[in-house]
Amino acid sequence: MSPLEVLAVLAAAMAAGAVNAIVGSGSLITFPTLLAVGYSPITANVSNTTGLSFGNFSAAWGYRAELRGQERRAVVLATVGGIGAIVGGTLLLVLPSSVFDAVVPVLILLACVLLITRPNPRLHQVAPRTRAAALGTITFLSGVYSGYFGAAAGVILLASLRLLVPERMQRLNGVKNVMVGTANGVAALLFVLFAHVAFAAAGLVAVGSIFGAQLGSTYGRRIPDEVLRWVVVTVGVVVAAILFVD
């Protein structure tokens, strides 16, 4: 890469890290940038996921205050999502990219609808095992998607958590960052072992997203829950529209 391309990737990664810390969908910034500087779609995808996983964990660290008291929840859900990411990463390596193209924008829009509507208090009164089973299933499937591509996986996870877990949005966002980071980290390990990761690109994305995530978590944690909800909805609708057009 030329010096200008290096700067472009770093800038995109910083923006993606900040966006991922607050909402999700930072891949839609870095992935096209890697394509623009000459990487093939698969190489760009696996290198992007590998690099952004560092930013996801940086965001989780930035939200460590919101994670207090939720450690067990975060570990259990992250483990389930990580297992799903192994499946998703494997699918990426063996299936054509068109498999998820039609369903992903619909899932993101559905998540936005769930965020717009107020959760029914009766859902929080459902037996804990039932809610845990529903959340576990959604987490696993989201992990599959994260391992495959993952744009706006955070939107889907936040909507699911808000629906099934009686907590403030900012605290749920902290859990979301751990879940996405684990899914991306597991997929990244799979890609390093079995795919062609462009380590120069992944390294630039890692560095940029780590710093961007710290900026995003520093300022994103100050956003009121209601404002955060509408920010996530807006980003989700934009991402879905982009994916529909593509």
C-alpha atoms as a PDB file:
ATOM      1  CA  MET A   1       0.000   0.000   0.000  1.00  0.00           C
ATOM      2  CA  SER A   2       1.070   3.552  -0.672  1.00  0.00           C
ATOM      3  CA  PRO A   3       1.382   6.028   2.240  1.00  0.00           C
ATOM      4  CA  LEU A   4      -1.937   7.593   1.204  1.00  0.00           C
ATOM      5  CA  GLU A   5      -3.662   4.200   1.222  1.00  0.00           C
ATOM      6  CA  VAL A   6      -2.208   3.434   4.651  1.00  0.00           C
ATOM      7  CA  LEU A   7      -3.644   6.697   5.980  1.00  0.00           C
ATOM      8  CA  ALA A   8      -7.017   5.928   4.381  1.00  0.00           C
ATOM      9  CA  VAL A   9      -7.202   2.497   6.030  1.00  0.00           C
ATOM     10  CA  LEU A  10      -6.154   3.920   9.416  1.00  0.00           C
ATOM     11  CA  ALA A  11      -8.741   6.698   9.206  1.00  0.00           C
ATOM     12  CA  ALA A  12     -11.477   4.263   8.183  1.00  0.00           C
ATOM     13  CA  ALA A  13     -10.496   1.931  11.029  1.00  0.00           C
ATOM     14  CA  MET A  14     -10.653   4.721  13.608  1.00  0.00           C
ATOM     15  CA  ALA A  15     -14.121   5.688  12.406  1.00  0.00           C
ATOM     16  CA  ALA A  16     -15.221   2.046  12.415  1.00  0.00           C
ATOM     17  CA  GLY A  17     -13.889   1.490  15.930  1.00  0.00           C
ATOM     18  CA  ALA A  18     -15.826   4.488  17.230  1.00  0.00           C
ATOM     19  CA  VAL A  19     -19.026   3.443  15.457  1.00  0.00           C
ATOM     20  CA  ASN A  20     -18.727  -0.146  16.669  1.00  0.00           C
ATOM     21  CA  ALA A  21     -18.296   0.963  20.277  1.00  0.00           C
ATOM     22  CA  ILE A  22     -21.534   2.940  20.202  1.00  0.00           C
ATOM     23  CA  VAL A  23     -23.716   1.086  17.701  1.00  0.00           C
ATOM     24  CA  GLY A  24     -22.120  -1.451  15.367  1.00  0.00           C
ATOM     25  CA  SER A  25     -21.755  -1.666  11.552  1.00  0.00           C
ATOM     26  CA  GLY A  26     -18.213  -0.271  11.419  1.00  0.00           C
ATOM     27  CA  SER A  27     -17.426  -2.979   8.851  1.00  0.00           C
ATOM     28  CA  LEU A  28     -19.295  -0.918   6.283  1.00  0.00           C
ATOM     29  CA  ILE A  29     -16.530   1.696   6.615  1.00  0.00           C
ATOM     30  CA  THR A  30     -13.441  -0.497   6.639  1.00  0.00           C
ATOM     31  CA  PHE A  31     -14.524  -3.274   4.269  1.00  0.00           C
ATOM     32  CA  PRO A  32     -15.110  -0.973   1.234  1.00  0.00           C
ATOM     33  CA  THR A  33     -11.865   0.834   2.063  1.00  0.00           C
ATOM     34  CA  LEU A  34      -9.901  -2.416   1.889  1.00  0.00           C
ATOM     35  CA  LEU A  35     -11.598  -3.215  -1.410  1.00  0.00           C
ATOM     36  CA  ALA A  36     -10.695   0.240  -2.708  1.00  0.00           C
ATOM     37  CA  VAL A  37      -6.994  -0.225  -1.953  1.00  0.00           C
ATOM     38  CA  GLY A  38      -6.922  -3.459  -3.950  1.00  0.00           C
ATOM     39  CA  TYR A  39      -7.782  -6.438  -1.770  1.00  0.00           C
ATOM     40  CA  SER A  40     -10.123  -9.170  -3.025  1.00  0.00           C
ATOM     41  CA  PRO A  41     -13.535  -9.456  -1.287  1.00  0.00           C
ATOM     42  CA  ILE A  42     -12.687 -12.578   0.741  1.00  0.00           C
ATOM     43  CA  THR A  43      -9.257 -11.309   1.772  1.00  0.00           C
ATOM     44  CA  ALA A  44     -10.732  -7.925   2.669  1.00  0.00           C
ATOM     45  CA  ASN A  45     -13.487  -9.604   4.691  1.00  0.00           C
ATOM     46  CA  VAL A  46     -11.258 -11.893   6.747  1.00  0.00           C
ATOM     47  CA  SER A  47      -8.601  -9.193   7.259  1.00  0.00           C
ATOM     48  CA  ASN A  48     -11.272  -6.709   8.287  1.00  0.00           C
ATOM     49  CA  THR A  49     -12.806  -9.079  10.837  1.00  0.00           C
ATOM     50  CA  THR A  50      -9.365  -9.916  12.233  1.00  0.00           C
ATOM     51  CA  GLY A  51      -8.423  -6.267  12.669  1.00  0.00           C
ATOM     52  CA  LEU A  52     -11.754  -5.067  14.038  1.00  0.00           C
ATOM     53  CA  SER A  53     -11.787  -7.756  16.732  1.00  0.00           C
ATOM     54  CA  PHE A  54      -9.088  -5.760  18.548  1.00  0.00           C
ATOM     55  CA  GLY A  55     -11.250  -2.655  18.375  1.00  0.00           C
ATOM     56  CA  ASN A  56     -14.241  -4.589  19.729  1.00  0.00           C
ATOM     57  CA  PHE A  57     -12.277  -5.613  22.814  1.00  0.00           C
ATOM     58  CA  SER A  58     -11.024  -2.060  23.180  1.00  0.00           C
ATOM     59  CA  ALA A  59     -14.672  -0.926  23.201  1.00  0.00           C
ATOM     60  CA  ALA A  60     -15.538  -3.572  25.800  1.00  0.00           C
ATOM     61  CA  TRP A  61     -12.732  -2.234  28.002  1.00  0.00           C
ATOM     62  CA  GLY A  62     -14.084   1.276  27.517  1.00  0.00           C
ATOM     63  CA  TYR A  63     -17.478   0.060  28.773  1.00  0.00           C
ATOM     64  CA  ARG A  64     -16.034  -1.829  31.761  1.00  0.00           C
ATOM     65  CA  ALA A  65     -17.977   0.324  34.254  1.00  0.00           C
ATOM     66  CA  GLU A  66     -21.270  -0.657  32.586  1.00  0.00           C
ATOM     67  CA  LEU A  67     -20.220  -4.324  32.667  1.00  0.00           C
ATOM     68  CA  ARG A  68     -19.924  -4.468  36.453  1.00  0.00           C
ATOM     69  CA  GLY A  69     -22.408  -6.974  37.821  1.00  0.00           C
ATOM     70  CA  GLN A  70     -22.936  -8.483  34.348  1.00  0.00           C
ATOM     71  CA  GLU A  71     -19.740 -10.494  34.072  1.00  0.00           C
ATOM     72  CA  ARG A  72     -21.446 -13.892  34.109  1.00  0.00           C
ATOM     73  CA  ARG A  73     -24.051 -12.825  31.542  1.00  0.00           C
ATOM     74  CA  ALA A  74     -21.359 -11.416  29.255  1.00  0.00           C
ATOM     75  CA  VAL A  75     -19.175 -14.533  29.485  1.00  0.00           C
ATOM     76  CA  VAL A  76     -22.034 -16.978  28.841  1.00  0.00           C
ATOM     77  CA  LEU A  77     -23.465 -15.040  25.891  1.00  0.00           C
ATOM     78  CA  ALA A  78     -20.028 -14.366  24.424  1.00  0.00           C
ATOM     79  CA  THR A  79     -19.230 -18.084  24.574  1.00  0.00           C
ATOM     80  CA  VAL A  80     -22.438 -18.988  22.746  1.00  0.00           C
ATOM     81  CA  GLY A  81     -21.790 -16.321  20.119  1.00  0.00           C
ATOM     82  CA  GLY A  82     -18.207 -17.514  19.723  1.00  0.00           C
ATOM     83  CA  ILE A  83     -19.421 -21.013  18.902  1.00  0.00           C
ATOM     84  CA  GLY A  84     -21.741 -19.511  16.302  1.00  0.00           C
ATOM     85  CA  ALA A  85     -18.827 -17.532  14.863  1.00  0.00           C
ATOM     86  CA  ILE A  86     -16.932 -20.756  14.193  1.00  0.00           C
ATOM     87  CA  VAL A  87     -19.895 -21.922  12.117  1.00  0.00           C
ATOM     88  CA  GLY A  88     -20.188 -18.570  10.337  1.00  0.00           C
ATOM     89  CA  GLY A  89     -16.485 -18.340   9.583  1.00  0.00           C
ATOM     90  CA  THR A  90     -16.532 -21.851   8.168  1.00  0.00           C
ATOM     91  CA  LEU A  91     -19.506 -20.957   5.978  1.00  0.00           C
ATOM     92  CA  LEU A  92     -17.618 -17.927   4.670  1.00  0.00           C
ATOM     93  CA  LEU A  93     -14.788 -20.178   3.544  1.00  0.00           C
ATOM     94  CA  VAL A  94     -17.004 -22.742   1.779  1.00  0.00           C
ATOM     95  CA  LEU A  95     -20.148 -20.908   0.566  1.00  0.00           C
ATOM     96  CA  PRO A  96     -20.698 -18.110  -1.978  1.00  0.00           C
ATOM     97  CA  SER A  97     -21.240 -14.654  -0.499  1.00  0.00           C
ATOM     98  CA  SER A  98     -24.761 -14.447  -1.954  1.00  0.00           C
ATOM     99  CA  VAL A  99     -26.131 -16.853   0.685  1.00  0.00           C
ATOM    100  CA  PHE A 100     -26.723 -14.132   3.298  1.00  0.00           C
ATOM    101  CA  ASP A 101     -27.381 -11.231   0.907  1.00  0.00           C
ATOM    102  CA  ALA A 102     -31.179 -11.400   0.902  1.00  0.00           C
ATOM    103  CA  VAL A 103     -31.866 -12.144   4.551  1.00  0.00           C
ATOM    104  CA  VAL A 104     -29.435  -9.802   6.329  1.00  0.00           C
ATOM    105  CA  PRO A 105     -31.106  -6.436   5.489  1.00  0.00           C
ATOM    106  CA  VAL A 106     -34.455  -7.875   6.597  1.00  0.00           C
ATOM    107  CA  LEU A 107     -32.969  -8.994   9.925  1.00  0.00           C
ATOM    108  CA  ILE A 108     -31.469  -5.552  10.513  1.00  0.00           C
ATOM    109  CA  LEU A 109     -34.774  -3.809   9.766  1.00  0.00           C
ATOM    110  CA  LEU A 110     -36.571  -6.215  12.108  1.00  0.00           C
ATOM    111  CA  ALA A 111     -34.063  -5.335  14.821  1.00  0.00           C
ATOM    112  CA  CYS A 112     -34.776  -1.636  14.227  1.00  0.00           C
ATOM    113  CA  VAL A 113     -38.513  -2.254  14.592  1.00  0.00           C
ATOM    114  CA  LEU A 114     -37.861  -4.025  17.904  1.00  0.00           C
ATOM    115  CA  LEU A 115     -35.805  -1.042  19.065  1.00  0.00           C
ATOM    116  CA  ILE A 116     -38.540   1.428  18.105  1.00  0.00           C
ATOM    117  CA  THR A 117     -41.265  -0.451  19.971  1.00  0.00           C
ATOM    118  CA  ARG A 118     -41.277  -0.438  23.739  1.00  0.00           C
ATOM    119  CA  PRO A 119     -40.572  -3.847  25.266  1.00  0.00           C
ATOM    120  CA  ASN A 120     -43.609  -5.587  26.668  1.00  0.00           C
ATOM    121  CA  PRO A 121     -43.088  -5.844  30.452  1.00  0.00           C
ATOM    122  CA  ARG A 122     -44.686  -9.288  30.276  1.00  0.00           C
ATOM    123  CA  LEU A 123     -41.626 -10.562  28.407  1.00  0.00           C
ATOM    124  CA  HIS A 124     -39.502  -9.843  31.462  1.00  0.00           C
ATOM    125  CA  GLN A 125     -41.915 -11.923  33.536  1.00  0.00           C
ATOM    126  CA  VAL A 126     -41.478 -14.979  31.329  1.00  0.00           C
ATOM    127  CA  ALA A 127     -39.644 -17.859  32.999  1.00  0.00           C
ATOM    128  CA  PRO A 128     -35.886 -17.087  33.106  1.00  0.00           C
ATOM    129  CA  ARG A 129     -35.083 -20.372  31.370  1.00  0.00           C
ATOM    130  CA  THR A 130     -37.370 -19.500  28.474  1.00  0.00           C
ATOM    131  CA  ARG A 131     -35.830 -16.057  28.081  1.00  0.00           C
ATOM    132  CA  ALA A 132     -32.338 -17.536  28.372  1.00  0.00           C
ATOM    133  CA  ALA A 133     -33.128 -20.115  25.676  1.00  0.00           C
ATOM    134  CA  ALA A 134     -34.488 -17.416  23.338  1.00  0.00           C
ATOM    135  CA  LEU A 135     -31.500 -15.145  23.941  1.00  0.00           C
ATOM    136  CA  GLY A 136     -29.068 -18.037  23.534  1.00  0.00           C
ATOM    137  CA  THR A 137     -30.592 -18.990  20.191  1.00  0.00           C
ATOM    138  CA  ILE A 138     -30.455 -15.412  18.909  1.00  0.00           C
ATOM    139  CA  THR A 139     -26.901 -15.033  20.179  1.00  0.00           C
ATOM    140  CA  PHE A 140     -25.762 -18.192  18.414  1.00  0.00           C
ATOM    141  CA  LEU A 141     -27.330 -17.138  15.114  1.00  0.00           C
ATOM    142  CA  SER A 142     -25.873 -13.650  15.462  1.00  0.00           C
ATOM    143  CA  GLY A 143     -22.487 -15.262  16.063  1.00  0.00           C
ATOM    144  CA  VAL A 144     -22.915 -17.208  12.814  1.00  0.00           C
ATOM    145  CA  TYR A 145     -23.613 -13.931  11.025  1.00  0.00           C
ATOM    146  CA  SER A 146     -20.666 -12.191  12.732  1.00  0.00           C
ATOM    147  CA  GLY A 147     -18.306 -14.929  11.601  1.00  0.00           C
ATOM    148  CA  TYR A 148     -19.662 -14.677   8.053  1.00  0.00           C
ATOM    149  CA  PHE A 149     -19.659 -10.891   7.631  1.00  0.00           C
ATOM    150  CA  GLY A 150     -21.169  -9.156  10.646  1.00  0.00           C
ATOM    151  CA  ALA A 151     -22.176  -5.672   9.455  1.00  0.00           C
ATOM    152  CA  ALA A 152     -24.657  -4.303  12.039  1.00  0.00           C
ATOM    153  CA  ALA A 153     -24.510  -7.459  14.164  1.00  0.00           C
ATOM    154  CA  GLY A 154     -24.384  -5.054  17.094  1.00  0.00           C
ATOM    155  CA  VAL A 155     -27.755  -3.604  16.103  1.00  0.00           C
ATOM    156  CA  ILE A 156     -29.325  -7.064  16.087  1.00  0.00           C
ATOM    157  CA  LEU A 157     -27.764  -7.965  19.428  1.00  0.00           C
ATOM    158  CA  LEU A 158     -28.770  -4.707  21.119  1.00  0.00           C
ATOM    159  CA  ALA A 159     -32.365  -5.139  19.967  1.00  0.00           C
ATOM    160  CA  SER A 160     -32.443  -8.715  21.272  1.00  0.00           C
ATOM    161  CA  LEU A 161     -30.868  -7.816  24.595  1.00  0.00           C
ATOM    162  CA  ARG A 162     -33.246  -4.906  25.094  1.00  0.00           C
ATOM    163  CA  LEU A 163     -36.210  -7.174  24.380  1.00  0.00           C
ATOM    164  CA  LEU A 164     -35.199  -9.953  26.765  1.00  0.00           C
ATOM    165  CA  VAL A 165     -33.002  -8.396  29.460  1.00  0.00           C
ATOM    166  CA  PRO A 166     -34.387  -5.752  31.858  1.00  0.00           C
ATOM    167  CA  GLU A 167     -31.379  -3.429  31.854  1.00  0.00           C
ATOM    168  CA  ARG A 168     -30.455   0.072  30.707  1.00  0.00           C
ATOM    169  CA  MET A 169     -29.346   0.453  27.098  1.00  0.00           C
ATOM    170  CA  GLN A 170     -25.836   1.591  27.986  1.00  0.00           C
ATOM    171  CA  ARG A 171     -25.278  -1.457  30.211  1.00  0.00           C
ATOM    172  CA  LEU A 172     -26.583  -3.697  27.443  1.00  0.00           C
ATOM    173  CA  ASN A 173     -24.238  -1.954  25.027  1.00  0.00           C
ATOM    174  CA  GLY A 174     -21.316  -3.018  27.197  1.00  0.00           C
ATOM    175  CA  VAL A 175     -22.450  -6.656  26.980  1.00  0.00           C
ATOM    176  CA  LYS A 176     -22.929  -6.263  23.234  1.00  0.00           C
ATOM    177  CA  ASN A 177     -19.331  -5.117  22.824  1.00  0.00           C
ATOM    178  CA  VAL A 178     -18.046  -8.211  24.631  1.00  0.00           C
ATOM    179  CA  MET A 179     -20.275 -10.468  22.515  1.00  0.00           C
ATOM    180  CA  VAL A 180     -19.245  -8.932  19.189  1.00  0.00           C
ATOM    181  CA  GLY A 181     -15.591  -8.859  20.197  1.00  0.00           C
ATOM    182  CA  THR A 182     -15.613 -12.538  21.120  1.00  0.00           C
ATOM    183  CA  ALA A 183     -17.409 -13.564  17.918  1.00  0.00           C
ATOM    184  CA  ASN A 184     -15.003 -11.560  15.776  1.00  0.00           C
ATOM    185  CA  GLY A 185     -12.016 -12.802  17.762  1.00  0.00           C
ATOM    186  CA  VAL A 186     -12.971 -16.458  17.328  1.00  0.00           C
ATOM    187  CA  ALA A 187     -13.622 -15.925  13.615  1.00  0.00           C
ATOM    188  CA  ALA A 188     -10.286 -14.112  13.309  1.00  0.00           C
ATOM    189  CA  LEU A 189      -8.446 -17.087  14.808  1.00  0.00           C
ATOM    190  CA  LEU A 190     -10.188 -19.369  12.320  1.00  0.00           C
ATOM    191  CA  PHE A 191      -9.208 -17.098   9.439  1.00  0.00           C
ATOM    192  CA  VAL A 192      -5.578 -16.879  10.556  1.00  0.00           C
ATOM    193  CA  LEU A 193      -5.397 -20.672  10.557  1.00  0.00           C
ATOM    194  CA  PHE A 194      -7.360 -21.486   7.408  1.00  0.00           C
ATOM    195  CA  ALA A 195      -7.717 -18.378   5.211  1.00  0.00           C
ATOM    196  CA  HIS A 196      -5.490 -15.750   3.644  1.00  0.00           C
ATOM    197  CA  VAL A 197      -5.327 -12.833   6.070  1.00  0.00           C
ATOM    198  CA  ALA A 198      -3.499  -9.760   4.793  1.00  0.00           C
ATOM    199  CA  PHE A 199      -1.660  -9.038   8.036  1.00  0.00           C
ATOM    200  CA  ALA A 200      -0.550  -5.569   6.995  1.00  0.00           C
ATOM    201  CA  ALA A 201      -4.162  -4.534   6.395  1.00  0.00           C
ATOM    202  CA  ALA A 202      -5.417  -6.338   9.499  1.00  0.00           C
ATOM    203  CA  GLY A 203      -2.739  -4.638  11.584  1.00  0.00           C
ATOM    204  CA  LEU A 204      -3.710  -1.186  10.342  1.00  0.00           C
ATOM    205  CA  VAL A 205      -7.383  -1.902  11.021  1.00  0.00           C
ATOM    206  CA  ALA A 206      -6.488  -3.183  14.510  1.00  0.00           C
ATOM    207  CA  VAL A 207      -4.466  -0.096  15.434  1.00  0.00           C
ATOM    208  CA  GLY A 208      -7.024   2.353  14.072  1.00  0.00           C
ATOM    209  CA  SER A 209     -10.024   0.595  15.580  1.00  0.00           C
ATOM    210  CA  ILE A 210      -8.410   0.317  19.045  1.00  0.00           C
ATOM    211  CA  PHE A 211      -7.975   4.084  19.219  1.00  0.00           C
ATOM    212  CA  GLY A 212     -11.350   4.744  17.590  1.00  0.00           C
ATOM    213  CA  ALA A 213     -13.102   2.453  20.068  1.00  0.00           C
ATOM    214  CA  GLN A 214     -11.636   4.363  22.985  1.00  0.00           C
ATOM    215  CA  LEU A 215     -12.933   7.608  21.529  1.00  0.00           C
ATOM    216  CA  GLY A 216     -16.328   6.045  20.842  1.00  0.00           C
ATOM    217  CA  SER A 217     -16.675   4.535  24.293  1.00  0.00           C
ATOM    218  CA  THR A 218     -15.525   7.736  26.010  1.00  0.00           C
ATOM    219  CA  TYR A 219     -18.197   9.850  24.375  1.00  0.00           C
ATOM    220  CA  GLY A 220     -20.777   7.154  23.579  1.00  0.00           C
ATOM    221  CA  ARG A 221     -21.202   6.226  27.246  1.00  0.00           C
ATOM    222  CA  ARG A 222     -22.482   9.770  27.887  1.00  0.00           C
ATOM    223  CA  ILE A 223     -25.361   9.440  25.427  1.00  0.00           C
ATOM    224  CA  PRO A 224     -28.748   9.137  27.189  1.00  0.00           C
ATOM    225  CA  ASP A 225     -30.435   5.764  26.711  1.00  0.00           C
ATOM    226  CA  GLU A 226     -33.311   7.165  24.676  1.00  0.00           C
ATOM    227  CA  VAL A 227     -30.969   9.041  22.337  1.00  0.00           C
ATOM    228  CA  LEU A 228     -28.784   5.946  22.005  1.00  0.00           C
ATOM    229  CA  ARG A 229     -31.829   3.905  21.024  1.00  0.00           C
ATOM    230  CA  TRP A 230     -32.648   6.258  18.137  1.00  0.00           C
ATOM    231  CA  VAL A 231     -29.013   6.485  17.055  1.00  0.00           C
ATOM    232  CA  VAL A 232     -28.943   2.687  16.758  1.00  0.00           C
ATOM    233  CA  VAL A 233     -32.243   2.673  14.859  1.00  0.00           C
ATOM    234  CA  THR A 234     -31.008   5.329  12.416  1.00  0.00           C
ATOM    235  CA  VAL A 235     -27.734   3.539  11.744  1.00  0.00           C
ATOM    236  CA  GLY A 236     -29.555   0.229  11.352  1.00  0.00           C
ATOM    237  CA  VAL A 237     -31.963   1.624   8.749  1.00  0.00           C
ATOM    238  CA  VAL A 238     -29.093   3.215   6.796  1.00  0.00           C
ATOM    239  CA  VAL A 239     -27.097  -0.046   6.855  1.00  0.00           C
ATOM    240  CA  ALA A 240     -30.123  -2.064   5.716  1.00  0.00           C
ATOM    241  CA  ALA A 241     -30.727   0.372   2.861  1.00  0.00           C
ATOM    242  CA  ILE A 242     -27.072   0.125   1.770  1.00  0.00           C
ATOM    243  CA  LEU A 243     -27.209  -3.667   1.804  1.00  0.00           C
ATOM    244  CA  PHE A 244     -30.514  -3.717  -0.125  1.00  0.00           C
ATOM    245  CA  VAL A 245     -28.986  -1.496  -2.829  1.00  0.00           C
ATOM    246  CA  ASP A 246     -25.844  -3.628  -3.031  1.00  0.00           C
END
